[in-house]
Each structure stands twice: as structure tokens, then as C-alpha cells.
Amino acid sequence: MEMKATRTIAADRATVWAALNSAEVLKDCIPGCEELTGSPEDGFQATVKQKVGPVKATFKGEVTLSDIVVNESYKIAGAGKGGVAGFANGSAVVTLSDNPEGGTDLSYDVQAKVGGKIAQLGSRLIDSFATKMADKFFEAFQTRVEEGEPEAEA
């Protein structure tokens, strides 16, 4: 499955970048995230609880950052296992650029795969769920950054 989108965030690039690299900000923005520890340099470990259709699962996994160009872009990749529910893995290229009308454009291009019991739910349900999760994350992320909290933490 693939998702691409761009959001304009009313903050400068350095502030958006700091938030993208903050475990606390990411934990607060990832729907169902119960725990997120680690650092951009060493990678993050996450525990996320989700319900996809009739399947409930707790996913434990790792997230790594690569191809880092400070204040501009990185690739974020993760893989998680949800026991009998199956697995999910994917990556996203995240790019920041100045918006000519002010703020920062955050663009992302996501590739994801699921397997196991979750994959049996069908691609339409999974695609819809993944899109909803991405929208929730970036909506929460945008709100958090625009409220100015990440700058104080950075």
C-alpha cells in the first residue's frame, strides 16, 4: 500500500524538524502508542495497540531513521509484530520545505505491508485503516507543533 500527502505546518523548519525527532512528540501523535523510547541516532522502540476491523493487537517493533539531511528530510522505517494478529512493516520518506506563503510543507511518501491475520481482512479495509491512521498522526503532529510545545522541548 502507498500513501502520499503534503501538509503545511505554521512553524519554521527547525521547529518541525525538532518535533519529528522527539520521542515524546511522536509518542503523543501516534494513535494507540503506549510506549516510545530511544533516540533518532539509535532508533526507537515502540509498543502500539490497535484494532483493525475485528482484530485487536499489540504491536512491538523498532523504528530507524536513515538518509538524514538535517532540517530537510529523512527516511523512517519500522517493523512490528502483533503476535497471532500478524505483522506490519513499512517506511516513509519525509521531506520538509519552506512554504512560499509561510510555514513549512511536510511531504511524506509511505510504503507499507501487513501479513498474517490482519492481511486476511482485505486490502480495502487495510488501506482505509492505514490512511485514517496517517491522517490522525499528521493532524495531531500539526496541532502539537503549531501550539509551540516541541520548541520548548528541543
N, C-alpha and C. Protein backbone atom coordinates (compact mmCIF):
# COMPACT_ATOMS: atom_id res chain seq x y z
N MET A 1 0.83 -1.16 0.00
CA MET A 1 0.00 0.00 0.00
C MET A 1 0.88 1.23 0.00
N GLU A 2 0.40 2.28 -0.64
CA GLU A 2 1.16 3.52 -0.79
C GLU A 2 0.30 4.70 -0.40
N MET A 3 0.90 5.68 0.26
CA MET A 3 0.20 6.93 0.60
C MET A 3 1.17 8.08 0.40
N LYS A 4 0.66 9.15 -0.20
CA LYS A 4 1.46 10.36 -0.38
C LYS A 4 0.59 11.54 0.00
N ALA A 5 1.18 12.52 0.67
CA ALA A 5 0.44 13.73 1.01
C ALA A 5 1.42 14.81 1.43
N THR A 6 0.91 16.03 1.47
CA THR A 6 1.68 17.18 1.96
C THR A 6 0.78 17.97 2.88
N ARG A 7 1.35 18.43 3.99
CA ARG A 7 0.65 19.31 4.93
C ARG A 7 1.49 20.55 5.15
N THR A 8 0.82 21.67 5.27
CA THR A 8 1.52 22.91 5.60
C THR A 8 1.36 23.16 7.09
N ILE A 9 2.48 23.29 7.78
CA ILE A 9 2.50 23.50 9.23
C ILE A 9 2.97 24.92 9.50
N ALA A 10 2.24 25.62 10.34
CA ALA A 10 2.54 27.02 10.66
C ALA A 10 3.68 27.10 11.68
N ALA A 11 4.87 26.71 11.24
CA ALA A 11 6.07 26.77 12.07
C ALA A 11 7.27 26.71 11.13
N ASP A 12 8.42 27.18 11.64
CA ASP A 12 9.63 27.13 10.80
C ASP A 12 10.16 25.70 10.73
N ARG A 13 11.03 25.48 9.75
CA ARG A 13 11.55 24.12 9.50
C ARG A 13 12.27 23.54 10.70
N ALA A 14 13.06 24.36 11.40
CA ALA A 14 13.82 23.84 12.55
C ALA A 14 12.89 23.32 13.64
N THR A 15 11.77 23.99 13.86
CA THR A 15 10.80 23.55 14.86
C THR A 15 10.14 22.25 14.44
N VAL A 16 9.75 22.16 13.17
CA VAL A 16 9.12 20.93 12.67
C VAL A 16 10.12 19.78 12.74
N TRP A 17 11.36 20.04 12.36
CA TRP A 17 12.41 19.01 12.40
C TRP A 17 12.62 18.51 13.83
N ALA A 18 12.70 19.42 14.78
CA ALA A 18 12.89 19.03 16.18
C ALA A 18 11.75 18.12 16.64
N ALA A 19 10.53 18.44 16.24
CA ALA A 19 9.37 17.63 16.63
C ALA A 19 9.43 16.25 15.98
N LEU A 20 9.85 16.19 14.72
CA LEU A 20 9.96 14.90 14.02
C LEU A 20 11.00 13.97 14.66
N ASN A 21 11.90 14.55 15.44
CA ASN A 21 12.96 13.78 16.06
C ASN A 21 12.77 13.62 17.57
N SER A 22 11.63 14.02 18.09
CA SER A 22 11.35 13.94 19.52
C SER A 22 10.51 12.71 19.83
N ALA A 23 11.06 11.80 20.65
CA ALA A 23 10.31 10.60 21.03
C ALA A 23 9.01 10.98 21.73
N GLU A 24 9.04 12.00 22.57
CA GLU A 24 7.84 12.40 23.30
C GLU A 24 6.75 12.91 22.36
N VAL A 25 7.13 13.74 21.40
CA VAL A 25 6.15 14.26 20.44
C VAL A 25 5.59 13.12 19.59
N LEU A 26 6.44 12.28 19.08
CA LEU A 26 5.99 11.17 18.23
C LEU A 26 5.05 10.24 19.01
N LYS A 27 5.41 9.91 20.26
CA LYS A 27 4.56 9.04 21.08
C LYS A 27 3.17 9.65 21.24
N ASP A 28 3.11 10.94 21.50
CA ASP A 28 1.83 11.60 21.70
C ASP A 28 0.98 11.65 20.42
N CYS A 29 1.62 11.57 19.26
CA CYS A 29 0.91 11.73 17.99
C CYS A 29 0.54 10.41 17.32
N ILE A 30 1.24 9.33 17.65
CA ILE A 30 0.95 8.03 17.04
C ILE A 30 -0.29 7.43 17.70
N PRO A 31 -1.36 7.23 16.94
CA PRO A 31 -2.57 6.66 17.54
C PRO A 31 -2.31 5.28 18.15
N GLY A 32 -2.73 5.12 19.41
CA GLY A 32 -2.57 3.83 20.09
C GLY A 32 -1.19 3.57 20.67
N CYS A 33 -0.29 4.54 20.56
CA CYS A 33 1.08 4.34 21.06
C CYS A 33 1.08 4.37 22.59
N GLU A 34 1.55 3.28 23.18
CA GLU A 34 1.63 3.19 24.63
C GLU A 34 3.02 3.52 25.14
N GLU A 35 4.02 3.26 24.29
CA GLU A 35 5.39 3.50 24.71
C GLU A 35 6.25 3.75 23.48
N LEU A 36 7.13 4.74 23.58
CA LEU A 36 8.11 5.01 22.52
C LEU A 36 9.37 5.49 23.21
N THR A 37 10.42 4.72 23.08
CA THR A 37 11.68 5.08 23.71
C THR A 37 12.79 5.05 22.67
N GLY A 38 13.91 5.67 23.01
CA GLY A 38 15.05 5.67 22.10
C GLY A 38 15.38 7.06 21.63
N SER A 39 16.17 7.09 20.57
CA SER A 39 16.63 8.37 20.03
C SER A 39 16.76 8.25 18.51
N PRO A 40 16.81 9.41 17.82
CA PRO A 40 16.98 9.36 16.37
C PRO A 40 18.28 8.65 15.95
N GLU A 41 19.33 8.78 16.75
CA GLU A 41 20.62 8.18 16.41
C GLU A 41 20.61 6.66 16.56
N ASP A 42 19.96 6.17 17.62
CA ASP A 42 19.99 4.74 17.93
C ASP A 42 18.73 4.01 17.50
N GLY A 43 17.71 4.74 17.10
CA GLY A 43 16.43 4.15 16.74
C GLY A 43 15.48 4.18 17.91
N PHE A 44 14.22 3.92 17.62
CA PHE A 44 13.18 3.94 18.63
C PHE A 44 12.58 2.55 18.78
N GLN A 45 12.09 2.24 19.98
CA GLN A 45 11.34 1.03 20.22
C GLN A 45 9.92 1.48 20.59
N ALA A 46 8.93 0.80 20.01
CA ALA A 46 7.56 1.24 20.22
C ALA A 46 6.65 0.08 20.59
N THR A 47 5.60 0.41 21.36
CA THR A 47 4.50 -0.50 21.64
C THR A 47 3.22 0.24 21.27
N VAL A 48 2.47 -0.34 20.34
CA VAL A 48 1.26 0.30 19.83
C VAL A 48 0.11 -0.70 19.88
N LYS A 49 -1.02 -0.29 20.47
CA LYS A 49 -2.23 -1.13 20.48
C LYS A 49 -3.18 -0.60 19.43
N GLN A 50 -3.69 -1.50 18.61
CA GLN A 50 -4.63 -1.11 17.56
C GLN A 50 -5.69 -2.16 17.36
N LYS A 51 -6.82 -1.70 16.82
CA LYS A 51 -7.88 -2.61 16.42
C LYS A 51 -8.13 -2.33 14.94
N VAL A 52 -7.91 -3.36 14.13
CA VAL A 52 -8.14 -3.25 12.69
C VAL A 52 -9.31 -4.17 12.37
N GLY A 53 -10.45 -3.56 12.07
CA GLY A 53 -11.65 -4.37 11.89
C GLY A 53 -11.90 -5.16 13.17
N PRO A 54 -12.10 -6.47 13.07
CA PRO A 54 -12.35 -7.28 14.26
C PRO A 54 -11.08 -7.73 14.99
N VAL A 55 -9.91 -7.41 14.45
CA VAL A 55 -8.65 -7.90 15.00
C VAL A 55 -8.01 -6.84 15.90
N LYS A 56 -7.81 -7.22 17.18
CA LYS A 56 -7.11 -6.35 18.13
C LYS A 56 -5.70 -6.91 18.31
N ALA A 57 -4.73 -6.01 18.38
CA ALA A 57 -3.36 -6.48 18.56
C ALA A 57 -2.51 -5.43 19.24
N THR A 58 -1.49 -5.89 19.93
CA THR A 58 -0.45 -5.03 20.48
C THR A 58 0.80 -5.31 19.66
N PHE A 59 1.26 -4.29 18.96
CA PHE A 59 2.45 -4.42 18.12
C PHE A 59 3.66 -3.91 18.87
N LYS A 60 4.72 -4.67 18.83
CA LYS A 60 6.00 -4.24 19.39
C LYS A 60 6.98 -4.21 18.22
N GLY A 61 7.71 -3.11 18.12
CA GLY A 61 8.61 -3.02 17.00
C GLY A 61 9.68 -1.97 17.17
N GLU A 62 10.45 -1.81 16.11
CA GLU A 62 11.56 -0.87 16.09
C GLU A 62 11.40 0.08 14.92
N VAL A 63 11.87 1.29 15.13
CA VAL A 63 11.83 2.33 14.10
C VAL A 63 13.24 2.90 13.96
N THR A 64 13.71 3.01 12.72
CA THR A 64 15.03 3.58 12.48
C THR A 64 14.93 4.73 11.49
N LEU A 65 15.87 5.65 11.62
CA LEU A 65 15.96 6.79 10.70
C LEU A 65 17.23 6.64 9.87
N SER A 66 17.13 6.97 8.58
CA SER A 66 18.29 6.91 7.71
C SER A 66 18.20 8.01 6.67
N ASP A 67 19.23 8.14 5.84
CA ASP A 67 19.27 9.15 4.79
C ASP A 67 18.92 10.53 5.34
N ILE A 68 19.49 10.84 6.51
CA ILE A 68 19.14 12.08 7.22
C ILE A 68 19.85 13.29 6.62
N VAL A 69 19.07 14.30 6.24
CA VAL A 69 19.58 15.61 5.84
C VAL A 69 18.90 16.58 6.81
N VAL A 70 19.65 17.07 7.80
CA VAL A 70 19.10 17.87 8.89
C VAL A 70 18.24 19.02 8.37
N ASN A 71 17.09 19.19 8.99
CA ASN A 71 16.10 20.22 8.66
C ASN A 71 15.51 20.09 7.26
N GLU A 72 15.77 18.95 6.60
CA GLU A 72 15.28 18.80 5.23
C GLU A 72 14.54 17.49 4.97
N SER A 73 15.15 16.34 5.33
CA SER A 73 14.48 15.07 5.02
C SER A 73 15.11 13.91 5.77
N TYR A 74 14.35 12.83 5.84
CA TYR A 74 14.87 11.55 6.29
C TYR A 74 13.95 10.43 5.85
N LYS A 75 14.47 9.22 5.97
CA LYS A 75 13.66 8.03 5.72
C LYS A 75 13.44 7.38 7.08
N ILE A 76 12.19 7.09 7.38
CA ILE A 76 11.86 6.44 8.63
C ILE A 76 11.29 5.06 8.27
N ALA A 77 11.84 4.03 8.90
CA ALA A 77 11.40 2.67 8.59
C ALA A 77 11.09 1.95 9.89
N GLY A 78 10.06 1.12 9.85
CA GLY A 78 9.68 0.40 11.06
C GLY A 78 9.12 -0.96 10.74
N ALA A 79 9.21 -1.83 11.73
CA ALA A 79 8.65 -3.16 11.62
C ALA A 79 8.12 -3.55 12.99
N GLY A 80 6.91 -4.12 12.99
CA GLY A 80 6.31 -4.53 14.24
C GLY A 80 5.61 -5.86 14.12
N LYS A 81 5.59 -6.60 15.23
CA LYS A 81 4.91 -7.89 15.27
C LYS A 81 3.77 -7.79 16.28
N GLY A 82 2.63 -8.34 15.88
CA GLY A 82 1.45 -8.32 16.72
C GLY A 82 0.99 -9.70 17.11
N GLY A 83 1.93 -10.61 17.33
CA GLY A 83 1.57 -11.98 17.72
C GLY A 83 0.74 -12.66 16.65
N VAL A 84 -0.36 -13.31 17.07
CA VAL A 84 -1.19 -14.05 16.12
C VAL A 84 -1.87 -13.13 15.11
N ALA A 85 -1.98 -11.84 15.44
CA ALA A 85 -2.62 -10.89 14.52
C ALA A 85 -1.78 -10.69 13.25
N GLY A 86 -0.48 -10.86 13.37
CA GLY A 86 0.37 -10.72 12.19
C GLY A 86 1.46 -9.69 12.38
N PHE A 87 1.86 -9.08 11.27
CA PHE A 87 2.95 -8.11 11.33
C PHE A 87 2.62 -6.93 10.42
N ALA A 88 3.33 -5.85 10.67
CA ALA A 88 3.24 -4.68 9.81
C ALA A 88 4.65 -4.12 9.68
N ASN A 89 5.01 -3.71 8.47
CA ASN A 89 6.27 -3.01 8.31
C ASN A 89 6.12 -2.01 7.17
N GLY A 90 6.99 -1.02 7.22
CA GLY A 90 6.90 -0.01 6.18
C GLY A 90 7.95 1.05 6.35
N SER A 91 7.92 2.00 5.45
CA SER A 91 8.87 3.10 5.51
C SER A 91 8.21 4.34 4.91
N ALA A 92 8.76 5.47 5.25
CA ALA A 92 8.26 6.73 4.71
C ALA A 92 9.44 7.67 4.48
N VAL A 93 9.41 8.35 3.36
CA VAL A 93 10.36 9.42 3.11
C VAL A 93 9.63 10.70 3.49
N VAL A 94 10.20 11.43 4.44
CA VAL A 94 9.61 12.67 4.94
C VAL A 94 10.49 13.83 4.49
N THR A 95 9.87 14.83 3.85
CA THR A 95 10.62 15.96 3.31
C THR A 95 10.01 17.26 3.82
N LEU A 96 10.87 18.17 4.24
CA LEU A 96 10.43 19.50 4.68
C LEU A 96 10.91 20.54 3.68
N SER A 97 10.05 21.51 3.40
CA SER A 97 10.45 22.62 2.53
C SER A 97 9.70 23.86 2.99
N ASP A 98 10.27 25.03 2.68
CA ASP A 98 9.62 26.28 3.04
C ASP A 98 8.41 26.50 2.15
N ASN A 99 7.30 26.88 2.77
CA ASN A 99 6.10 27.22 2.00
C ASN A 99 6.20 28.69 1.64
N PRO A 100 6.01 29.06 0.35
CA PRO A 100 6.15 30.46 -0.07
C PRO A 100 5.21 31.41 0.67
N GLU A 101 4.10 30.88 1.19
CA GLU A 101 3.14 31.73 1.92
C GLU A 101 3.38 31.70 3.42
N GLY A 102 4.44 31.04 3.85
CA GLY A 102 4.77 30.97 5.27
C GLY A 102 4.61 29.56 5.80
N GLY A 103 5.38 29.22 6.81
CA GLY A 103 5.31 27.89 7.40
C GLY A 103 6.18 26.89 6.65
N THR A 104 5.96 25.65 6.96
CA THR A 104 6.76 24.55 6.41
C THR A 104 5.85 23.51 5.77
N ASP A 105 6.18 23.10 4.56
CA ASP A 105 5.46 22.00 3.92
C ASP A 105 6.13 20.70 4.35
N LEU A 106 5.34 19.79 4.91
CA LEU A 106 5.82 18.47 5.28
C LEU A 106 5.18 17.49 4.30
N SER A 107 6.03 16.85 3.48
CA SER A 107 5.55 15.88 2.50
C SER A 107 5.99 14.49 2.93
N TYR A 108 5.13 13.51 2.71
CA TYR A 108 5.52 12.14 3.04
C TYR A 108 5.04 11.19 1.96
N ASP A 109 5.85 10.15 1.77
CA ASP A 109 5.57 9.10 0.80
C ASP A 109 5.77 7.78 1.55
N VAL A 110 4.67 7.11 1.84
CA VAL A 110 4.68 5.92 2.69
C VAL A 110 4.49 4.65 1.87
N GLN A 111 5.26 3.63 2.19
CA GLN A 111 5.10 2.27 1.65
C GLN A 111 4.89 1.36 2.85
N ALA A 112 3.85 0.53 2.83
CA ALA A 112 3.60 -0.35 3.98
C ALA A 112 3.12 -1.72 3.53
N LYS A 113 3.39 -2.72 4.38
CA LYS A 113 2.94 -4.09 4.14
C LYS A 113 2.43 -4.67 5.45
N VAL A 114 1.41 -5.53 5.34
CA VAL A 114 0.94 -6.27 6.50
C VAL A 114 0.84 -7.74 6.13
N GLY A 115 0.90 -8.58 7.15
CA GLY A 115 0.78 -10.01 6.91
C GLY A 115 0.09 -10.69 8.08
N GLY A 116 -0.24 -11.93 7.92
CA GLY A 116 -0.90 -12.68 8.98
C GLY A 116 -2.40 -12.45 8.97
N LYS A 117 -3.01 -12.58 10.14
CA LYS A 117 -4.46 -12.46 10.28
C LYS A 117 -4.97 -11.12 9.75
N ILE A 118 -4.22 -10.05 10.00
CA ILE A 118 -4.63 -8.72 9.55
C ILE A 118 -4.75 -8.68 8.03
N ALA A 119 -3.82 -9.30 7.35
CA ALA A 119 -3.83 -9.27 5.88
C ALA A 119 -5.07 -9.96 5.32
N GLN A 120 -5.65 -10.87 6.07
CA GLN A 120 -6.84 -11.58 5.62
C GLN A 120 -8.09 -10.71 5.61
N LEU A 121 -8.00 -9.51 6.22
CA LEU A 121 -9.16 -8.62 6.28
C LEU A 121 -9.47 -7.99 4.93
N GLY A 122 -8.51 -7.99 4.03
CA GLY A 122 -8.74 -7.43 2.71
C GLY A 122 -8.09 -6.07 2.56
N SER A 123 -7.63 -5.82 1.35
CA SER A 123 -6.85 -4.61 1.10
C SER A 123 -7.66 -3.32 1.27
N ARG A 124 -8.94 -3.34 0.95
CA ARG A 124 -9.73 -2.11 1.09
C ARG A 124 -9.83 -1.67 2.54
N LEU A 125 -10.10 -2.61 3.44
CA LEU A 125 -10.18 -2.28 4.86
C LEU A 125 -8.82 -1.82 5.38
N ILE A 126 -7.77 -2.53 5.00
CA ILE A 126 -6.43 -2.18 5.48
C ILE A 126 -6.00 -0.82 4.93
N ASP A 127 -6.22 -0.57 3.65
CA ASP A 127 -5.86 0.73 3.07
C ASP A 127 -6.62 1.86 3.75
N SER A 128 -7.89 1.66 4.00
CA SER A 128 -8.71 2.67 4.67
C SER A 128 -8.20 2.92 6.08
N PHE A 129 -7.87 1.85 6.80
CA PHE A 129 -7.34 1.96 8.16
C PHE A 129 -6.01 2.71 8.15
N ALA A 130 -5.11 2.34 7.24
CA ALA A 130 -3.79 2.97 7.16
C ALA A 130 -3.90 4.46 6.85
N THR A 131 -4.80 4.81 5.93
CA THR A 131 -5.00 6.21 5.58
C THR A 131 -5.52 6.98 6.79
N LYS A 132 -6.47 6.39 7.51
CA LYS A 132 -7.04 7.03 8.69
C LYS A 132 -5.96 7.23 9.76
N MET A 133 -5.11 6.23 9.95
CA MET A 133 -4.03 6.33 10.95
C MET A 133 -3.04 7.43 10.57
N ALA A 134 -2.65 7.49 9.30
CA ALA A 134 -1.73 8.53 8.85
C ALA A 134 -2.35 9.91 9.04
N ASP A 135 -3.62 10.05 8.67
CA ASP A 135 -4.30 11.34 8.85
C ASP A 135 -4.34 11.74 10.32
N LYS A 136 -4.66 10.78 11.21
CA LYS A 136 -4.71 11.08 12.65
C LYS A 136 -3.33 11.51 13.16
N PHE A 137 -2.29 10.77 12.72
CA PHE A 137 -0.94 11.12 13.18
C PHE A 137 -0.57 12.52 12.74
N PHE A 138 -0.72 12.83 11.44
CA PHE A 138 -0.26 14.12 10.96
C PHE A 138 -1.14 15.28 11.45
N GLU A 139 -2.42 15.02 11.69
CA GLU A 139 -3.28 16.03 12.29
C GLU A 139 -2.82 16.36 13.70
N ALA A 140 -2.56 15.31 14.50
CA ALA A 140 -2.07 15.50 15.87
C ALA A 140 -0.69 16.17 15.86
N PHE A 141 0.16 15.74 14.93
CA PHE A 141 1.51 16.31 14.83
C PHE A 141 1.43 17.80 14.49
N GLN A 142 0.61 18.14 13.51
CA GLN A 142 0.46 19.54 13.10
C GLN A 142 -0.04 20.39 14.27
N THR A 143 -1.06 19.90 14.97
CA THR A 143 -1.61 20.63 16.11
C THR A 143 -0.54 20.83 17.18
N ARG A 144 0.18 19.77 17.49
CA ARG A 144 1.21 19.85 18.53
C ARG A 144 2.30 20.86 18.17
N VAL A 145 2.77 20.82 16.93
CA VAL A 145 3.83 21.74 16.50
C VAL A 145 3.32 23.18 16.48
N GLU A 146 2.13 23.38 15.97
CA GLU A 146 1.60 24.74 15.86
C GLU A 146 1.28 25.34 17.21
N GLU A 147 1.05 24.50 18.22
CA GLU A 147 0.84 25.01 19.58
C GLU A 147 2.15 25.42 20.23
N GLY A 148 3.28 25.06 19.61
CA GLY A 148 4.58 25.52 20.06
C GLY A 148 5.25 24.66 21.11
N GLU A 149 4.65 23.53 21.49
CA GLU A 149 5.24 22.70 22.53
C GLU A 149 6.59 22.09 22.17
N PRO A 150 6.80 21.59 20.94
CA PRO A 150 8.08 20.93 20.65
C PRO A 150 9.27 21.87 20.77
N GLU A 151 9.07 23.16 20.48
CA GLU A 151 10.19 24.10 20.53
C GLU A 151 10.76 24.17 21.94
N ALA A 152 9.88 24.16 22.94
CA ALA A 152 10.32 24.21 24.32
C ALA A 152 11.10 22.94 24.71
N GLU A 153 10.75 21.81 24.09
CA GLU A 153 11.41 20.55 24.42
C GLU A 153 12.75 20.39 23.70
N ALA A 154 12.90 21.03 22.57
CA ALA A 154 14.07 20.81 21.72
C ALA A 154 15.34 21.36 22.34
